[in-house]
Amino acid sequence: MNAPGLLRRLLDATYALAAGVAALSLLGIFCVMIAQMGLREVGMQVPGSDDLSAYLCVATTFFALAATFKRGELIRVGMGIEKLSPPVRRGAEILALLIAGAVVAYITWWTAQDVLFSWEIEEVAQGTVPFLIWIPKLAMPIGAGLLLVAIIDEFVIVLGGAKPTYVVAAEDRAARGDFSAEV
């Protein structure tokens, strides 16, 4: 049982928006590296480029988590679950989603606490540009929080008796002969 239409569209749009932010962060890394290469030829450099690239790398990773999970492209150990009968498999999926939800909730909580601490002490980067650290750190609790929402979303779907979206997405890719996510 999927969420009602409006909620489903809102959740899917949120996952897609986060994936778009991840893509822009990846593009940002590319731009910083190209600028760094170009300026190096004239004896200059982009101040704080190493820090900025690292922050964008974290944003790319965390903002992509929810959409990647929903598309069934995160690493899963499905070999054992796939062999189970449908009722037992459903129970295993529920248990796996509960464990994943607990772990991601823990990660979300502590990364949020880290952001708050950095904001409270006005922590700045030690590199050539004194970036306020709490700003790039926001990607971690936001991205992890979106992954938590996606896990809860899947939990509700499985509780309703439907096949998880990530399983359906993987089966659709396999039916088309696309095994790229399986490599």
N, C-alpha and C. Protein backbone atom coordinates (compact mmCIF):
# COMPACT_ATOMS: atom_id res chain seq x y z
N MET A 1 0.86 -1.18 0.00
CA MET A 1 0.00 0.00 0.00
C MET A 1 0.90 1.23 0.00
N ASN A 2 0.80 2.01 -1.05
CA ASN A 2 1.61 3.22 -1.15
C ASN A 2 0.92 4.39 -0.46
N ALA A 3 1.71 5.40 -0.16
CA ALA A 3 1.15 6.61 0.43
C ALA A 3 0.15 7.22 -0.54
N PRO A 4 -0.84 7.94 -0.04
CA PRO A 4 -1.80 8.58 -0.94
C PRO A 4 -1.08 9.44 -1.98
N GLY A 5 -1.74 9.68 -3.11
CA GLY A 5 -1.15 10.33 -4.27
C GLY A 5 -0.34 11.58 -3.99
N LEU A 6 -0.90 12.54 -3.26
CA LEU A 6 -0.19 13.79 -3.01
C LEU A 6 1.07 13.56 -2.17
N LEU A 7 0.95 12.76 -1.13
CA LEU A 7 2.11 12.45 -0.29
C LEU A 7 3.17 11.71 -1.09
N ARG A 8 2.73 10.76 -1.92
CA ARG A 8 3.68 10.00 -2.75
C ARG A 8 4.45 10.94 -3.67
N ARG A 9 3.74 11.86 -4.32
CA ARG A 9 4.39 12.81 -5.23
C ARG A 9 5.34 13.72 -4.47
N LEU A 10 4.95 14.15 -3.28
CA LEU A 10 5.79 15.02 -2.45
C LEU A 10 7.07 14.29 -2.03
N LEU A 11 6.92 13.05 -1.58
CA LEU A 11 8.10 12.27 -1.18
C LEU A 11 9.03 12.03 -2.37
N ASP A 12 8.46 11.60 -3.49
CA ASP A 12 9.29 11.33 -4.67
C ASP A 12 9.98 12.60 -5.17
N ALA A 13 9.27 13.74 -5.11
CA ALA A 13 9.88 15.01 -5.52
C ALA A 13 11.01 15.40 -4.57
N THR A 14 10.84 15.12 -3.28
CA THR A 14 11.88 15.43 -2.30
C THR A 14 13.12 14.59 -2.55
N TYR A 15 12.92 13.30 -2.82
CA TYR A 15 14.06 12.42 -3.12
C TYR A 15 14.77 12.90 -4.39
N ALA A 16 13.99 13.29 -5.40
CA ALA A 16 14.57 13.76 -6.66
C ALA A 16 15.30 15.08 -6.46
N LEU A 17 14.73 15.97 -5.65
CA LEU A 17 15.39 17.25 -5.36
C LEU A 17 16.73 17.02 -4.67
N ALA A 18 16.75 16.13 -3.70
CA ALA A 18 18.00 15.82 -3.00
C ALA A 18 19.03 15.23 -3.97
N ALA A 19 18.57 14.37 -4.88
CA ALA A 19 19.49 13.81 -5.88
C ALA A 19 20.01 14.91 -6.79
N GLY A 20 19.16 15.89 -7.10
CA GLY A 20 19.60 17.04 -7.89
C GLY A 20 20.66 17.86 -7.17
N VAL A 21 20.49 18.04 -5.87
CA VAL A 21 21.50 18.75 -5.07
C VAL A 21 22.81 17.96 -5.08
N ALA A 22 22.70 16.63 -4.99
CA ALA A 22 23.91 15.79 -5.06
C ALA A 22 24.60 15.97 -6.41
N ALA A 23 23.82 16.00 -7.48
CA ALA A 23 24.40 16.18 -8.82
C ALA A 23 25.07 17.55 -8.94
N LEU A 24 24.43 18.58 -8.40
CA LEU A 24 25.04 19.92 -8.43
C LEU A 24 26.32 19.97 -7.60
N SER A 25 26.33 19.24 -6.50
CA SER A 25 27.55 19.17 -5.68
C SER A 25 28.68 18.50 -6.45
N LEU A 26 28.34 17.45 -7.17
CA LEU A 26 29.34 16.77 -8.00
C LEU A 26 29.84 17.69 -9.11
N LEU A 27 28.92 18.44 -9.71
CA LEU A 27 29.32 19.43 -10.71
C LEU A 27 30.22 20.50 -10.08
N GLY A 28 29.91 20.87 -8.84
CA GLY A 28 30.74 21.83 -8.13
C GLY A 28 32.17 21.34 -7.94
N ILE A 29 32.30 20.04 -7.61
CA ILE A 29 33.65 19.46 -7.49
C ILE A 29 34.39 19.58 -8.81
N PHE A 30 33.69 19.23 -9.89
CA PHE A 30 34.28 19.33 -11.23
C PHE A 30 34.75 20.76 -11.52
N CYS A 31 33.88 21.73 -11.24
CA CYS A 31 34.21 23.13 -11.51
C CYS A 31 35.42 23.59 -10.69
N VAL A 32 35.46 23.22 -9.43
CA VAL A 32 36.59 23.60 -8.57
C VAL A 32 37.88 22.98 -9.12
N MET A 33 37.81 21.72 -9.51
CA MET A 33 39.02 21.05 -10.02
C MET A 33 39.48 21.65 -11.35
N ILE A 34 38.54 21.96 -12.24
CA ILE A 34 38.90 22.57 -13.52
C ILE A 34 39.50 23.96 -13.28
N ALA A 35 38.88 24.73 -12.40
CA ALA A 35 39.41 26.06 -12.08
C ALA A 35 40.81 25.94 -11.49
N GLN A 36 40.99 24.99 -10.62
CA GLN A 36 42.29 24.78 -9.99
C GLN A 36 43.35 24.43 -11.04
N MET A 37 42.98 23.55 -11.98
CA MET A 37 43.92 23.17 -13.04
C MET A 37 44.26 24.37 -13.93
N GLY A 38 43.22 25.13 -14.31
CA GLY A 38 43.45 26.28 -15.17
C GLY A 38 44.30 27.36 -14.51
N LEU A 39 43.99 27.65 -13.26
CA LEU A 39 44.75 28.69 -12.56
C LEU A 39 46.17 28.25 -12.25
N ARG A 40 46.38 26.96 -12.08
CA ARG A 40 47.73 26.45 -11.81
C ARG A 40 48.66 26.79 -12.97
N GLU A 41 48.11 26.81 -14.18
CA GLU A 41 48.92 27.12 -15.37
C GLU A 41 49.44 28.55 -15.36
N VAL A 42 48.76 29.43 -14.65
CA VAL A 42 49.21 30.82 -14.57
C VAL A 42 49.78 31.16 -13.19
N GLY A 43 50.09 30.12 -12.41
CA GLY A 43 50.74 30.32 -11.12
C GLY A 43 49.80 30.76 -10.01
N MET A 44 48.51 30.52 -10.16
CA MET A 44 47.55 30.91 -9.13
C MET A 44 46.82 29.66 -8.64
N GLN A 45 45.99 29.86 -7.63
CA GLN A 45 45.18 28.75 -7.15
C GLN A 45 43.86 29.26 -6.59
N VAL A 46 42.90 28.35 -6.48
CA VAL A 46 41.61 28.68 -5.89
C VAL A 46 41.77 28.53 -4.38
N PRO A 47 41.62 29.61 -3.63
CA PRO A 47 41.76 29.49 -2.16
C PRO A 47 40.71 28.55 -1.58
N GLY A 48 41.14 27.66 -0.72
CA GLY A 48 40.23 26.74 -0.05
C GLY A 48 39.68 25.64 -0.93
N SER A 49 40.30 25.40 -2.07
CA SER A 49 39.75 24.42 -3.01
C SER A 49 39.73 23.00 -2.44
N ASP A 50 40.72 22.64 -1.65
CA ASP A 50 40.72 21.30 -1.06
C ASP A 50 39.57 21.14 -0.08
N ASP A 51 39.37 22.13 0.77
CA ASP A 51 38.27 22.08 1.73
C ASP A 51 36.92 22.07 1.00
N LEU A 52 36.79 22.96 0.03
CA LEU A 52 35.53 23.06 -0.71
C LEU A 52 35.21 21.75 -1.43
N SER A 53 36.21 21.15 -2.05
CA SER A 53 35.99 19.86 -2.72
C SER A 53 35.56 18.78 -1.73
N ALA A 54 36.17 18.78 -0.55
CA ALA A 54 35.81 17.80 0.48
C ALA A 54 34.37 18.01 0.94
N TYR A 55 33.98 19.26 1.15
CA TYR A 55 32.60 19.55 1.59
C TYR A 55 31.60 19.13 0.51
N LEU A 56 31.93 19.42 -0.73
CA LEU A 56 31.04 19.04 -1.83
C LEU A 56 30.96 17.53 -2.00
N CYS A 57 32.04 16.84 -1.71
CA CYS A 57 32.04 15.38 -1.77
C CYS A 57 31.08 14.79 -0.73
N VAL A 58 31.11 15.35 0.47
CA VAL A 58 30.20 14.90 1.53
C VAL A 58 28.75 15.19 1.12
N ALA A 59 28.50 16.38 0.56
CA ALA A 59 27.15 16.73 0.12
C ALA A 59 26.69 15.79 -0.98
N THR A 60 27.57 15.49 -1.93
CA THR A 60 27.22 14.56 -3.01
C THR A 60 26.79 13.23 -2.44
N THR A 61 27.54 12.72 -1.50
CA THR A 61 27.24 11.41 -0.90
C THR A 61 25.94 11.42 -0.13
N PHE A 62 25.78 12.35 0.79
CA PHE A 62 24.62 12.33 1.68
C PHE A 62 23.32 12.70 0.97
N PHE A 63 23.35 13.67 0.05
CA PHE A 63 22.12 14.05 -0.62
C PHE A 63 21.65 12.98 -1.61
N ALA A 64 22.54 12.12 -2.05
CA ALA A 64 22.14 11.06 -2.99
C ALA A 64 21.57 9.82 -2.30
N LEU A 65 21.71 9.71 -0.99
CA LEU A 65 21.34 8.47 -0.29
C LEU A 65 19.87 8.06 -0.48
N ALA A 66 18.93 8.94 -0.26
CA ALA A 66 17.51 8.57 -0.30
C ALA A 66 17.09 8.11 -1.69
N ALA A 67 17.43 8.87 -2.71
CA ALA A 67 17.05 8.49 -4.07
C ALA A 67 17.72 7.18 -4.49
N THR A 68 18.97 7.01 -4.10
CA THR A 68 19.69 5.78 -4.43
C THR A 68 19.05 4.58 -3.75
N PHE A 69 18.66 4.75 -2.51
CA PHE A 69 17.98 3.68 -1.76
C PHE A 69 16.66 3.32 -2.43
N LYS A 70 15.86 4.33 -2.76
CA LYS A 70 14.55 4.07 -3.36
C LYS A 70 14.66 3.38 -4.72
N ARG A 71 15.73 3.66 -5.46
CA ARG A 71 15.93 3.04 -6.77
C ARG A 71 16.58 1.66 -6.67
N GLY A 72 16.84 1.21 -5.45
CA GLY A 72 17.44 -0.11 -5.27
C GLY A 72 18.89 -0.17 -5.71
N GLU A 73 19.59 0.95 -5.61
CA GLU A 73 20.97 0.99 -6.07
C GLU A 73 21.99 1.04 -4.95
N LEU A 74 21.52 1.05 -3.69
CA LEU A 74 22.44 0.91 -2.58
C LEU A 74 22.80 -0.56 -2.42
N ILE A 75 23.92 -0.82 -1.86
CA ILE A 75 24.35 -2.20 -1.67
C ILE A 75 23.43 -2.88 -0.67
N ARG A 76 22.86 -4.00 -1.10
CA ARG A 76 21.99 -4.80 -0.23
C ARG A 76 22.45 -6.24 -0.32
N VAL A 77 22.21 -6.96 0.74
CA VAL A 77 22.49 -8.39 0.71
C VAL A 77 21.15 -9.08 0.46
N GLY A 78 20.82 -9.23 -0.82
CA GLY A 78 19.54 -9.80 -1.19
C GLY A 78 19.60 -11.29 -1.48
N MET A 79 20.80 -11.83 -1.57
CA MET A 79 20.91 -13.25 -1.95
C MET A 79 20.21 -14.16 -0.95
N GLY A 80 20.33 -13.87 0.32
CA GLY A 80 19.67 -14.69 1.33
C GLY A 80 18.18 -14.47 1.36
N ILE A 81 17.75 -13.24 1.29
CA ILE A 81 16.33 -12.89 1.35
C ILE A 81 15.58 -13.42 0.13
N GLU A 82 16.22 -13.37 -1.04
CA GLU A 82 15.55 -13.80 -2.27
C GLU A 82 15.16 -15.27 -2.25
N LYS A 83 15.82 -16.05 -1.44
CA LYS A 83 15.54 -17.49 -1.38
C LYS A 83 14.38 -17.82 -0.43
N LEU A 84 13.94 -16.85 0.34
CA LEU A 84 12.91 -17.09 1.34
C LEU A 84 11.52 -17.09 0.71
N SER A 85 10.60 -17.78 1.36
CA SER A 85 9.20 -17.76 0.90
C SER A 85 8.65 -16.34 1.09
N PRO A 86 7.61 -15.95 0.33
CA PRO A 86 7.10 -14.57 0.43
C PRO A 86 6.75 -14.10 1.84
N PRO A 87 6.07 -14.89 2.69
CA PRO A 87 5.77 -14.37 4.02
C PRO A 87 7.03 -14.19 4.88
N VAL A 88 7.96 -15.12 4.76
CA VAL A 88 9.20 -15.03 5.55
C VAL A 88 10.05 -13.87 5.01
N ARG A 89 10.05 -13.73 3.69
CA ARG A 89 10.82 -12.63 3.08
C ARG A 89 10.26 -11.29 3.54
N ARG A 90 8.95 -11.15 3.60
CA ARG A 90 8.32 -9.91 4.06
C ARG A 90 8.77 -9.61 5.49
N GLY A 91 8.79 -10.63 6.34
CA GLY A 91 9.26 -10.44 7.72
C GLY A 91 10.71 -10.02 7.77
N ALA A 92 11.53 -10.62 6.90
CA ALA A 92 12.95 -10.27 6.85
C ALA A 92 13.14 -8.83 6.36
N GLU A 93 12.34 -8.43 5.37
CA GLU A 93 12.40 -7.04 4.87
C GLU A 93 12.02 -6.07 5.99
N ILE A 94 10.96 -6.40 6.73
CA ILE A 94 10.51 -5.54 7.83
C ILE A 94 11.61 -5.42 8.88
N LEU A 95 12.21 -6.54 9.24
CA LEU A 95 13.29 -6.53 10.22
C LEU A 95 14.48 -5.71 9.71
N ALA A 96 14.85 -5.92 8.45
CA ALA A 96 15.98 -5.17 7.88
C ALA A 96 15.68 -3.67 7.87
N LEU A 97 14.45 -3.31 7.52
CA LEU A 97 14.08 -1.88 7.50
C LEU A 97 14.07 -1.29 8.90
N LEU A 98 13.62 -2.07 9.89
CA LEU A 98 13.65 -1.60 11.28
C LEU A 98 15.09 -1.35 11.75
N ILE A 99 15.97 -2.29 11.45
CA ILE A 99 17.37 -2.14 11.84
C ILE A 99 18.00 -0.94 11.11
N ALA A 100 17.76 -0.86 9.79
CA ALA A 100 18.30 0.25 9.01
C ALA A 100 17.77 1.58 9.54
N GLY A 101 16.47 1.62 9.85
CA GLY A 101 15.88 2.84 10.38
C GLY A 101 16.51 3.26 11.70
N ALA A 102 16.75 2.29 12.57
CA ALA A 102 17.37 2.60 13.86
C ALA A 102 18.79 3.14 13.68
N VAL A 103 19.55 2.51 12.81
CA VAL A 103 20.93 2.95 12.56
C VAL A 103 20.95 4.34 11.94
N VAL A 104 20.11 4.56 10.94
CA VAL A 104 20.10 5.86 10.27
C VAL A 104 19.54 6.95 11.18
N ALA A 105 18.59 6.62 12.04
CA ALA A 105 18.09 7.60 13.02
C ALA A 105 19.22 8.01 13.96
N TYR A 106 20.02 7.04 14.38
CA TYR A 106 21.17 7.32 15.25
C TYR A 106 22.17 8.23 14.53
N ILE A 107 22.46 7.92 13.27
CA ILE A 107 23.39 8.74 12.48
C ILE A 107 22.83 10.16 12.31
N THR A 108 21.54 10.26 12.01
CA THR A 108 20.91 11.56 11.83
C THR A 108 21.00 12.39 13.10
N TRP A 109 20.69 11.76 14.23
CA TRP A 109 20.73 12.46 15.52
C TRP A 109 22.13 13.01 15.81
N TRP A 110 23.14 12.14 15.70
CA TRP A 110 24.48 12.57 16.08
C TRP A 110 25.11 13.54 15.08
N THR A 111 24.79 13.41 13.81
CA THR A 111 25.31 14.40 12.87
C THR A 111 24.63 15.76 13.10
N ALA A 112 23.36 15.75 13.47
CA ALA A 112 22.66 17.00 13.81
C ALA A 112 23.28 17.63 15.07
N GLN A 113 23.61 16.80 16.05
CA GLN A 113 24.25 17.32 17.26
C GLN A 113 25.61 17.92 16.94
N ASP A 114 26.33 17.30 16.01
CA ASP A 114 27.63 17.82 15.60
C ASP A 114 27.49 19.17 14.91
N VAL A 115 26.47 19.31 14.05
CA VAL A 115 26.21 20.59 13.39
C VAL A 115 25.90 21.66 14.44
N LEU A 116 25.03 21.33 15.38
CA LEU A 116 24.68 22.30 16.43
C LEU A 116 25.89 22.72 17.25
N PHE A 117 26.74 21.75 17.58
CA PHE A 117 27.94 22.07 18.34
C PHE A 117 28.85 23.00 17.54
N SER A 118 29.04 22.69 16.26
CA SER A 118 29.88 23.54 15.41
C SER A 118 29.32 24.95 15.30
N TRP A 119 28.00 25.04 15.25
CA TRP A 119 27.35 26.35 15.17
C TRP A 119 27.52 27.11 16.49
N GLU A 120 27.35 26.42 17.60
CA GLU A 120 27.46 27.06 18.92
C GLU A 120 28.86 27.61 19.19
N ILE A 121 29.87 26.87 18.79
CA ILE A 121 31.24 27.32 19.06
C ILE A 121 31.82 28.14 17.91
N GLU A 122 31.00 28.37 16.88
CA GLU A 122 31.42 29.13 15.71
C GLU A 122 32.70 28.56 15.10
N GLU A 123 32.70 27.24 14.92
CA GLU A 123 33.85 26.52 14.38
C GLU A 123 34.11 26.93 12.93
N VAL A 124 35.37 27.17 12.62
CA VAL A 124 35.76 27.52 11.25
C VAL A 124 36.83 26.54 10.77
N ALA A 125 36.91 26.40 9.46
CA ALA A 125 37.91 25.51 8.86
C ALA A 125 39.31 26.05 9.13
N GLN A 126 40.25 25.15 9.23
CA GLN A 126 41.64 25.53 9.50
C GLN A 126 42.44 25.78 8.23
N GLY A 127 41.79 25.66 7.07
CA GLY A 127 42.48 25.85 5.79
C GLY A 127 42.69 27.32 5.47
N THR A 128 42.94 27.60 4.20
CA THR A 128 43.23 28.97 3.77
C THR A 128 42.00 29.87 3.80
N VAL A 129 40.81 29.28 3.74
CA VAL A 129 39.57 30.04 3.82
C VAL A 129 38.83 29.59 5.08
N PRO A 130 38.51 30.51 5.97
CA PRO A 130 37.85 30.11 7.22
C PRO A 130 36.34 29.87 7.06
N PHE A 131 36.00 28.79 6.34
CA PHE A 131 34.59 28.42 6.16
C PHE A 131 33.96 28.14 7.53
N LEU A 132 32.73 28.58 7.72
CA LEU A 132 31.98 28.18 8.91
C LEU A 132 31.62 26.71 8.73
N ILE A 133 32.15 25.86 9.58
CA ILE A 133 32.04 24.42 9.40
C ILE A 133 30.60 23.90 9.48
N TRP A 134 29.75 24.54 10.27
CA TRP A 134 28.40 24.02 10.43
C TRP A 134 27.63 24.03 9.12
N ILE A 135 27.97 24.93 8.20
CA ILE A 135 27.23 25.03 6.94
C ILE A 135 27.45 23.79 6.07
N PRO A 136 28.69 23.40 5.75
CA PRO A 136 28.83 22.17 4.96
C PRO A 136 28.44 20.91 5.74
N LYS A 137 28.53 20.96 7.07
CA LYS A 137 28.13 19.80 7.86
C LYS A 137 26.63 19.55 7.80
N LEU A 138 25.85 20.55 7.43
CA LEU A 138 24.40 20.38 7.33
C LEU A 138 24.00 19.27 6.36
N ALA A 139 24.85 19.02 5.37
CA ALA A 139 24.53 17.97 4.39
C ALA A 139 24.37 16.61 5.06
N MET A 140 25.09 16.37 6.13
CA MET A 140 25.03 15.05 6.78
C MET A 140 23.69 14.79 7.45
N PRO A 141 23.21 15.62 8.38
CA PRO A 141 21.91 15.30 8.98
C PRO A 141 20.75 15.45 8.01
N ILE A 142 20.85 16.36 7.05
CA ILE A 142 19.76 16.50 6.08
C ILE A 142 19.70 15.26 5.19
N GLY A 143 20.84 14.86 4.65
CA GLY A 143 20.87 13.67 3.79
C GLY A 143 20.50 12.40 4.54
N ALA A 144 21.03 12.24 5.74
CA ALA A 144 20.69 11.07 6.55
C ALA A 144 19.22 11.10 6.95
N GLY A 145 18.71 12.29 7.25
CA GLY A 145 17.29 12.42 7.59
C GLY A 145 16.39 12.05 6.43
N LEU A 146 16.78 12.45 5.23
CA LEU A 146 16.01 12.06 4.04
C LEU A 146 16.08 10.55 3.82
N LEU A 147 17.24 9.95 4.07
CA LEU A 147 17.33 8.49 3.98
C LEU A 147 16.43 7.84 5.00
N LEU A 148 16.36 8.39 6.20
CA LEU A 148 15.48 7.86 7.24
C LEU A 148 14.01 7.94 6.78
N VAL A 149 13.64 9.06 6.18
CA VAL A 149 12.27 9.19 5.66
C VAL A 149 12.01 8.13 4.58
N ALA A 150 12.99 7.90 3.71
CA ALA A 150 12.84 6.89 2.66
C ALA A 150 12.72 5.49 3.26
N ILE A 151 13.45 5.22 4.32
CA ILE A 151 13.36 3.91 4.98
C ILE A 151 11.98 3.75 5.62
N ILE A 152 11.50 4.79 6.27
CA ILE A 152 10.16 4.73 6.87
C ILE A 152 9.11 4.57 5.76
N ASP A 153 9.30 5.27 4.67
CA ASP A 153 8.42 5.15 3.50
C ASP A 153 8.35 3.69 3.04
N GLU A 154 9.50 3.06 2.90
CA GLU A 154 9.54 1.64 2.48
C GLU A 154 8.94 0.73 3.55
N PHE A 155 9.17 1.05 4.80
CA PHE A 155 8.60 0.26 5.91
C PHE A 155 7.08 0.26 5.82
N VAL A 156 6.49 1.42 5.57
CA VAL A 156 5.04 1.53 5.44
C VAL A 156 4.56 0.73 4.23
N ILE A 157 5.29 0.81 3.13
CA ILE A 157 4.92 0.07 1.92
C ILE A 157 4.93 -1.44 2.20
N VAL A 158 5.98 -1.92 2.84
CA VAL A 158 6.10 -3.36 3.12
C VAL A 158 5.05 -3.79 4.15
N LEU A 159 4.81 -2.97 5.16
CA LEU A 159 3.77 -3.29 6.15
C LEU A 159 2.40 -3.41 5.48
N GLY A 160 2.19 -2.62 4.45
CA GLY A 160 0.92 -2.65 3.71
C GLY A 160 0.80 -3.86 2.80
N GLY A 161 1.83 -4.68 2.74
CA GLY A 161 1.77 -5.90 1.95
C GLY A 161 2.34 -5.79 0.55
N ALA A 162 2.83 -4.62 0.16
CA ALA A 162 3.40 -4.45 -1.18
C ALA A 162 4.89 -4.80 -1.17
N LYS A 163 5.38 -5.01 -2.36
CA LYS A 163 6.81 -5.28 -2.54
C LYS A 163 7.56 -3.96 -2.37
N PRO A 164 8.73 -3.98 -1.73
CA PRO A 164 9.49 -2.73 -1.57
C PRO A 164 9.83 -2.10 -2.91
N THR A 165 9.80 -0.78 -2.94
CA THR A 165 10.10 -0.04 -4.17
C THR A 165 11.48 -0.38 -4.70
N TYR A 166 12.45 -0.55 -3.81
CA TYR A 166 13.82 -0.85 -4.25
C TYR A 166 13.90 -2.22 -4.90
N VAL A 167 13.07 -3.16 -4.48
CA VAL A 167 13.04 -4.49 -5.11
C VAL A 167 12.38 -4.40 -6.47
N VAL A 168 11.27 -3.67 -6.55
CA VAL A 168 10.58 -3.49 -7.83
C VAL A 168 11.51 -2.82 -8.84
N ALA A 169 12.23 -1.79 -8.40
CA ALA A 169 13.16 -1.07 -9.29
C ALA A 169 14.26 -2.01 -9.79
N ALA A 170 14.80 -2.83 -8.90
CA ALA A 170 15.86 -3.78 -9.31
C ALA A 170 15.30 -4.83 -10.27
N GLU A 171 14.08 -5.31 -10.01
CA GLU A 171 13.46 -6.30 -10.91
C GLU A 171 13.19 -5.68 -12.28
N ASP A 172 12.74 -4.42 -12.32
CA ASP A 172 12.50 -3.73 -13.59
C ASP A 172 13.79 -3.60 -14.39
N ARG A 173 14.88 -3.23 -13.71
CA ARG A 173 16.16 -3.13 -14.41
C ARG A 173 16.58 -4.49 -14.96
N ALA A 174 16.43 -5.54 -14.16
CA ALA A 174 16.81 -6.89 -14.60
C ALA A 174 15.96 -7.33 -15.79
N ALA A 175 14.67 -7.00 -15.77
CA ALA A 175 13.78 -7.38 -16.88
C ALA A 175 14.19 -6.68 -18.18
N ARG A 176 14.74 -5.50 -18.07
CA ARG A 176 15.22 -4.76 -19.25
C ARG A 176 16.63 -5.20 -19.66
N GLY A 177 17.22 -6.08 -18.89
CA GLY A 177 18.60 -6.53 -19.19
C GLY A 177 19.65 -5.56 -18.69
N ASP A 178 19.28 -4.65 -17.81
CA ASP A 178 20.20 -3.66 -17.26
C ASP A 178 20.69 -4.17 -15.90
N PHE A 179 21.93 -4.61 -15.87
CA PHE A 179 22.51 -5.12 -14.64
C PHE A 179 23.59 -4.18 -14.11
N SER A 180 23.57 -2.92 -14.54
CA SER A 180 24.60 -1.96 -14.17
C SER A 180 24.66 -1.70 -12.69
N ALA A 181 23.52 -1.71 -12.00
CA ALA A 181 23.51 -1.46 -10.56
C ALA A 181 23.94 -2.68 -9.78
N GLU A 182 23.99 -3.82 -10.44
CA GLU A 182 24.33 -5.07 -9.77
C GLU A 182 25.84 -5.33 -9.76
N VAL A 183 26.60 -4.52 -10.48
CA VAL A 183 28.03 -4.75 -10.60
C VAL A 183 28.75 -4.22 -9.39
